[in-house]
Amino acid sequence: MPRKYKLPKQEVQPDVRFDSLLVSHLINRLMIGGKKSVAQRIMYQALDLIEDRSGKPPIEILEKAVGNVRPSLEVKPRRVGGSTYQIPVEVPRGRQASLAMRWLLDAARARPGHSMAERLASELLDAANESGMAYRKKEEMHRMAQANRAFAHYRW
């Protein structure tokens, strides 16, 4: 990692079916071992299942799910005078989306079910309805930040 300059962010092309950057980011996060076509097939099957189950546009459900799981606060450890405090800090916009996508995919992978497409569709629908494991993880992080707001004055 260079010290003198910031590395430019790599541009991600929108996906071919929905022309959405969010879907493209999720496909890249879902991909294991460079198998992008497998990840695309899983993602598109999950979006088709969402459309069948909800009757609404799948992109709308996906954006709502990611929006509901985005954390606005997190805690970071800070060492002050020999003690380590958990200090609540605001999460930058890019990290919010990254954490939300990571939590959604981890929760989908941990779910019991038949195929990854079904598990992902179920987790996205749950997150859009403000339930599910990824949404609980966000709530847990917010609770932790609220509990430690007494240490907010250590932030610098």
C-alpha atoms as a PDB file:
ATOM      1  CA  MET A   1       0.000   0.000   0.000  1.00  0.00           C
ATOM      2  CA  PRO A   2       1.625   3.251  -1.068  1.00  0.00           C
ATOM      3  CA  ARG A   3       2.196   6.005   1.477  1.00  0.00           C
ATOM      4  CA  LYS A   4       2.495   8.987  -0.834  1.00  0.00           C
ATOM      5  CA  TYR A   5      -0.710   8.776  -2.861  1.00  0.00           C
ATOM      6  CA  LYS A   6      -4.124   7.175  -2.744  1.00  0.00           C
ATOM      7  CA  LEU A   7      -4.683   4.287  -5.100  1.00  0.00           C
ATOM      8  CA  PRO A   8      -7.482   5.032  -7.568  1.00  0.00           C
ATOM      9  CA  LYS A   9     -10.657   3.012  -7.062  1.00  0.00           C
ATOM     10  CA  GLN A  10     -11.172   0.347  -9.691  1.00  0.00           C
ATOM     11  CA  GLU A  11     -14.185   1.003 -11.854  1.00  0.00           C
ATOM     12  CA  VAL A  12     -16.759  -1.785 -11.850  1.00  0.00           C
ATOM     13  CA  GLN A  13     -18.899  -2.207 -14.945  1.00  0.00           C
ATOM     14  CA  PRO A  14     -22.681  -2.534 -14.404  1.00  0.00           C
ATOM     15  CA  ASP A  15     -24.110  -6.006 -14.904  1.00  0.00           C
ATOM     16  CA  VAL A  16     -25.563  -6.921 -18.275  1.00  0.00           C
ATOM     17  CA  ARG A  17     -29.095  -7.892 -17.247  1.00  0.00           C
ATOM     18  CA  PHE A  18     -30.171  -5.118 -14.869  1.00  0.00           C
ATOM     19  CA  ASP A  19     -27.529  -2.482 -15.723  1.00  0.00           C
ATOM     20  CA  SER A  20     -26.921  -2.034 -11.990  1.00  0.00           C
ATOM     21  CA  LEU A  21     -23.637  -1.406 -10.198  1.00  0.00           C
ATOM     22  CA  LEU A  22     -25.052  -2.893  -6.993  1.00  0.00           C
ATOM     23  CA  VAL A  23     -25.787  -6.224  -8.682  1.00  0.00           C
ATOM     24  CA  SER A  24     -22.319  -6.182 -10.218  1.00  0.00           C
ATOM     25  CA  HIS A  25     -20.701  -5.560  -6.816  1.00  0.00           C
ATOM     26  CA  LEU A  26     -22.707  -8.386  -5.265  1.00  0.00           C
ATOM     27  CA  ILE A  27     -21.736 -10.756  -8.079  1.00  0.00           C
ATOM     28  CA  ASN A  28     -18.069  -9.934  -7.497  1.00  0.00           C
ATOM     29  CA  ARG A  29     -18.444 -10.480  -3.734  1.00  0.00           C
ATOM     30  CA  LEU A  30     -20.311 -13.751  -4.325  1.00  0.00           C
ATOM     31  CA  MET A  31     -17.654 -15.064  -6.711  1.00  0.00           C
ATOM     32  CA  ILE A  32     -15.335 -17.764  -5.344  1.00  0.00           C
ATOM     33  CA  GLY A  33     -12.157 -18.803  -7.126  1.00  0.00           C
ATOM     34  CA  GLY A  34     -12.682 -16.528 -10.121  1.00  0.00           C
ATOM     35  CA  LYS A  35     -15.844 -18.344 -11.261  1.00  0.00           C
ATOM     36  CA  LYS A  36     -17.799 -15.298 -12.304  1.00  0.00           C
ATOM     37  CA  SER A  37     -20.292 -17.093 -14.537  1.00  0.00           C
ATOM     38  CA  VAL A  38     -21.317 -19.315 -11.601  1.00  0.00           C
ATOM     39  CA  ALA A  39     -21.739 -16.243  -9.380  1.00  0.00           C
ATOM     40  CA  GLN A  40     -23.809 -14.499 -12.072  1.00  0.00           C
ATOM     41  CA  ARG A  41     -26.062 -17.527 -12.458  1.00  0.00           C
ATOM     42  CA  ILE A  42     -26.621 -17.720  -8.681  1.00  0.00           C
ATOM     43  CA  MET A  43     -27.343 -13.983  -8.426  1.00  0.00           C
ATOM     44  CA  TYR A  44     -29.774 -13.905 -11.355  1.00  0.00           C
ATOM     45  CA  GLN A  45     -31.590 -17.021 -10.065  1.00  0.00           C
ATOM     46  CA  ALA A  46     -31.905 -15.369  -6.652  1.00  0.00           C
ATOM     47  CA  LEU A  47     -33.309 -12.195  -8.219  1.00  0.00           C
ATOM     48  CA  ASP A  48     -35.797 -14.277 -10.257  1.00  0.00           C
ATOM     49  CA  LEU A  49     -36.896 -16.049  -7.065  1.00  0.00           C
ATOM     50  CA  ILE A  50     -37.346 -12.677  -5.341  1.00  0.00           C
ATOM     51  CA  GLU A  51     -39.539 -11.494  -8.193  1.00  0.00           C
ATOM     52  CA  ASP A  52     -41.638 -14.683  -8.044  1.00  0.00           C
ATOM     53  CA  ARG A  53     -42.079 -14.534  -4.257  1.00  0.00           C
ATOM     54  CA  SER A  54     -42.728 -10.810  -3.829  1.00  0.00           C
ATOM     55  CA  GLY A  55     -44.204  -9.755  -7.166  1.00  0.00           C
ATOM     56  CA  LYS A  56     -42.137  -6.552  -7.049  1.00  0.00           C
ATOM     57  CA  PRO A  57     -39.103  -5.581  -9.140  1.00  0.00           C
ATOM     58  CA  PRO A  58     -36.090  -7.471  -7.733  1.00  0.00           C
ATOM     59  CA  ILE A  59     -33.753  -4.457  -7.982  1.00  0.00           C
ATOM     60  CA  GLU A  60     -36.105  -2.500  -5.721  1.00  0.00           C
ATOM     61  CA  ILE A  61     -36.062  -5.302  -3.113  1.00  0.00           C
ATOM     62  CA  LEU A  62     -32.267  -5.617  -3.404  1.00  0.00           C
ATOM     63  CA  GLU A  63     -31.686  -1.889  -2.869  1.00  0.00           C
ATOM     64  CA  LYS A  64     -34.075  -1.865   0.087  1.00  0.00           C
ATOM     65  CA  ALA A  65     -32.329  -4.893   1.633  1.00  0.00           C
ATOM     66  CA  VAL A  66     -28.860  -3.369   1.293  1.00  0.00           C
ATOM     67  CA  GLY A  67     -30.177  -0.041   2.590  1.00  0.00           C
ATOM     68  CA  ASN A  68     -31.700  -1.699   5.668  1.00  0.00           C
ATOM     69  CA  VAL A  69     -28.478  -3.544   6.485  1.00  0.00           C
ATOM     70  CA  ARG A  70     -26.117  -0.536   6.062  1.00  0.00           C
ATOM     71  CA  PRO A  71     -24.608   0.382   9.440  1.00  0.00           C
ATOM     72  CA  SER A  72     -24.231   4.052  10.309  1.00  0.00           C
ATOM     73  CA  LEU A  73     -22.184   3.538  13.505  1.00  0.00           C
ATOM     74  CA  GLU A  74     -19.509   1.065  14.521  1.00  0.00           C
ATOM     75  CA  VAL A  75     -17.055   0.719  17.389  1.00  0.00           C
ATOM     76  CA  LYS A  76     -13.300   0.875  17.010  1.00  0.00           C
ATOM     77  CA  PRO A  77     -10.841  -0.040  19.742  1.00  0.00           C
ATOM     78  CA  ARG A  78      -8.669   2.837  20.947  1.00  0.00           C
ATOM     79  CA  ARG A  79      -5.902   2.443  23.505  1.00  0.00           C
ATOM     80  CA  VAL A  80      -5.882   5.276  26.038  1.00  0.00           C
ATOM     81  CA  GLY A  81      -3.618   5.219  29.093  1.00  0.00           C
ATOM     82  CA  GLY A  82      -3.199   1.462  29.274  1.00  0.00           C
ATOM     83  CA  SER A  83      -6.898   0.709  28.771  1.00  0.00           C
ATOM     84  CA  THR A  84      -8.609  -0.198  25.516  1.00  0.00           C
ATOM     85  CA  TYR A  85     -11.961   1.488  24.918  1.00  0.00           C
ATOM     86  CA  GLN A  86     -14.531   0.667  22.275  1.00  0.00           C
ATOM     87  CA  ILE A  87     -15.184   4.076  20.711  1.00  0.00           C
ATOM     88  CA  PRO A  88     -18.256   4.637  18.511  1.00  0.00           C
ATOM     89  CA  VAL A  89     -17.443   6.198  15.144  1.00  0.00           C
ATOM     90  CA  GLU A  90     -19.494   6.928  12.038  1.00  0.00           C
ATOM     91  CA  VAL A  91     -19.012   4.525   9.152  1.00  0.00           C
ATOM     92  CA  PRO A  92     -17.905   6.028   5.802  1.00  0.00           C
ATOM     93  CA  ARG A  93     -20.360   5.589   2.916  1.00  0.00           C
ATOM     94  CA  GLY A  94     -18.236   3.105   0.942  1.00  0.00           C
ATOM     95  CA  ARG A  95     -17.606   0.946   4.006  1.00  0.00           C
ATOM     96  CA  GLN A  96     -21.340   0.935   4.784  1.00  0.00           C
ATOM     97  CA  ALA A  97     -22.143  -0.684   1.441  1.00  0.00           C
ATOM     98  CA  SER A  98     -19.207  -3.075   1.712  1.00  0.00           C
ATOM     99  CA  LEU A  99     -20.225  -4.252   5.198  1.00  0.00           C
ATOM    100  CA  ALA A 100     -23.864  -4.600   4.151  1.00  0.00           C
ATOM    101  CA  MET A 101     -23.003  -6.791   1.163  1.00  0.00           C
ATOM    102  CA  ARG A 102     -20.549  -8.879   3.214  1.00  0.00           C
ATOM    103  CA  TRP A 103     -23.118  -9.468   5.965  1.00  0.00           C
ATOM    104  CA  LEU A 104     -25.858 -10.374   3.490  1.00  0.00           C
ATOM    105  CA  LEU A 105     -23.687 -12.938   1.728  1.00  0.00           C
ATOM    106  CA  ASP A 106     -22.328 -14.392   4.988  1.00  0.00           C
ATOM    107  CA  ALA A 107     -25.856 -14.735   6.357  1.00  0.00           C
ATOM    108  CA  ALA A 108     -27.024 -16.386   3.131  1.00  0.00           C
ATOM    109  CA  ARG A 109     -24.123 -18.837   3.230  1.00  0.00           C
ATOM    110  CA  ALA A 110     -24.911 -19.719   6.853  1.00  0.00           C
ATOM    111  CA  ARG A 111     -28.612 -20.353   6.154  1.00  0.00           C
ATOM    112  CA  PRO A 112     -29.956 -23.865   5.814  1.00  0.00           C
ATOM    113  CA  GLY A 113     -31.428 -24.503   2.402  1.00  0.00           C
ATOM    114  CA  HIS A 114     -31.120 -26.275  -0.885  1.00  0.00           C
ATOM    115  CA  SER A 115     -29.252 -23.959  -3.213  1.00  0.00           C
ATOM    116  CA  MET A 116     -27.280 -20.762  -2.745  1.00  0.00           C
ATOM    117  CA  ALA A 117     -29.764 -18.900  -4.959  1.00  0.00           C
ATOM    118  CA  GLU A 118     -32.651 -19.854  -2.638  1.00  0.00           C
ATOM    119  CA  ARG A 119     -30.689 -18.944   0.486  1.00  0.00           C
ATOM    120  CA  LEU A 120     -29.615 -15.597  -0.989  1.00  0.00           C
ATOM    121  CA  ALA A 121     -33.169 -14.791  -2.106  1.00  0.00           C
ATOM    122  CA  SER A 122     -34.526 -15.608   1.354  1.00  0.00           C
ATOM    123  CA  GLU A 123     -31.917 -13.478   3.110  1.00  0.00           C
ATOM    124  CA  LEU A 124     -32.502 -10.528   0.776  1.00  0.00           C
ATOM    125  CA  LEU A 125     -36.268 -10.727   1.313  1.00  0.00           C
ATOM    126  CA  ASP A 126     -35.765 -10.934   5.088  1.00  0.00           C
ATOM    127  CA  ALA A 127     -33.388  -7.954   5.050  1.00  0.00           C
ATOM    128  CA  ALA A 128     -35.882  -5.940   3.005  1.00  0.00           C
ATOM    129  CA  ASN A 129     -38.509  -6.762   5.657  1.00  0.00           C
ATOM    130  CA  GLU A 130     -36.102  -5.760   8.480  1.00  0.00           C
ATOM    131  CA  SER A 131     -35.474  -9.256   9.798  1.00  0.00           C
ATOM    132  CA  GLY A 132     -32.884 -11.939   9.134  1.00  0.00           C
ATOM    133  CA  MET A 133     -29.348 -12.518  10.350  1.00  0.00           C
ATOM    134  CA  ALA A 134     -27.706  -9.635   8.448  1.00  0.00           C
ATOM    135  CA  TYR A 135     -30.219  -7.116   9.828  1.00  0.00           C
ATOM    136  CA  ARG A 136     -29.681  -8.477  13.361  1.00  0.00           C
ATOM    137  CA  LYS A 137     -25.931  -8.019  12.919  1.00  0.00           C
ATOM    138  CA  LYS A 138     -26.452  -4.350  12.025  1.00  0.00           C
ATOM    139  CA  GLU A 139     -28.744  -3.859  15.035  1.00  0.00           C
ATOM    140  CA  GLU A 140     -26.159  -5.530  17.279  1.00  0.00           C
ATOM    141  CA  MET A 141     -23.462  -3.151  16.014  1.00  0.00           C
ATOM    142  CA  HIS A 142     -25.689  -0.128  16.645  1.00  0.00           C
ATOM    143  CA  ARG A 143     -26.511  -1.366  20.162  1.00  0.00           C
ATOM    144  CA  MET A 144     -22.804  -1.755  20.892  1.00  0.00           C
ATOM    145  CA  ALA A 145     -22.114   1.789  19.657  1.00  0.00           C
ATOM    146  CA  GLN A 146     -24.960   3.202  21.767  1.00  0.00           C
ATOM    147  CA  ALA A 147     -23.728   1.345  24.859  1.00  0.00           C
ATOM    148  CA  ASN A 148     -20.246   2.809  24.431  1.00  0.00           C
ATOM    149  CA  ARG A 149     -21.208   6.377  23.562  1.00  0.00           C
ATOM    150  CA  ALA A 150     -19.790   7.485  26.931  1.00  0.00           C
ATOM    151  CA  PHE A 151     -16.328   6.980  25.393  1.00  0.00           C
ATOM    152  CA  ALA A 152     -17.068   9.111  22.320  1.00  0.00           C
ATOM    153  CA  HIS A 153     -14.914  11.955  23.683  1.00  0.00           C
ATOM    154  CA  TYR A 154     -11.805   9.779  23.086  1.00  0.00           C
ATOM    155  CA  ARG A 155     -12.381  10.011  19.331  1.00  0.00           C
ATOM    156  CA  TRP A 156      -9.768  12.010  17.423  1.00  0.00           C
END
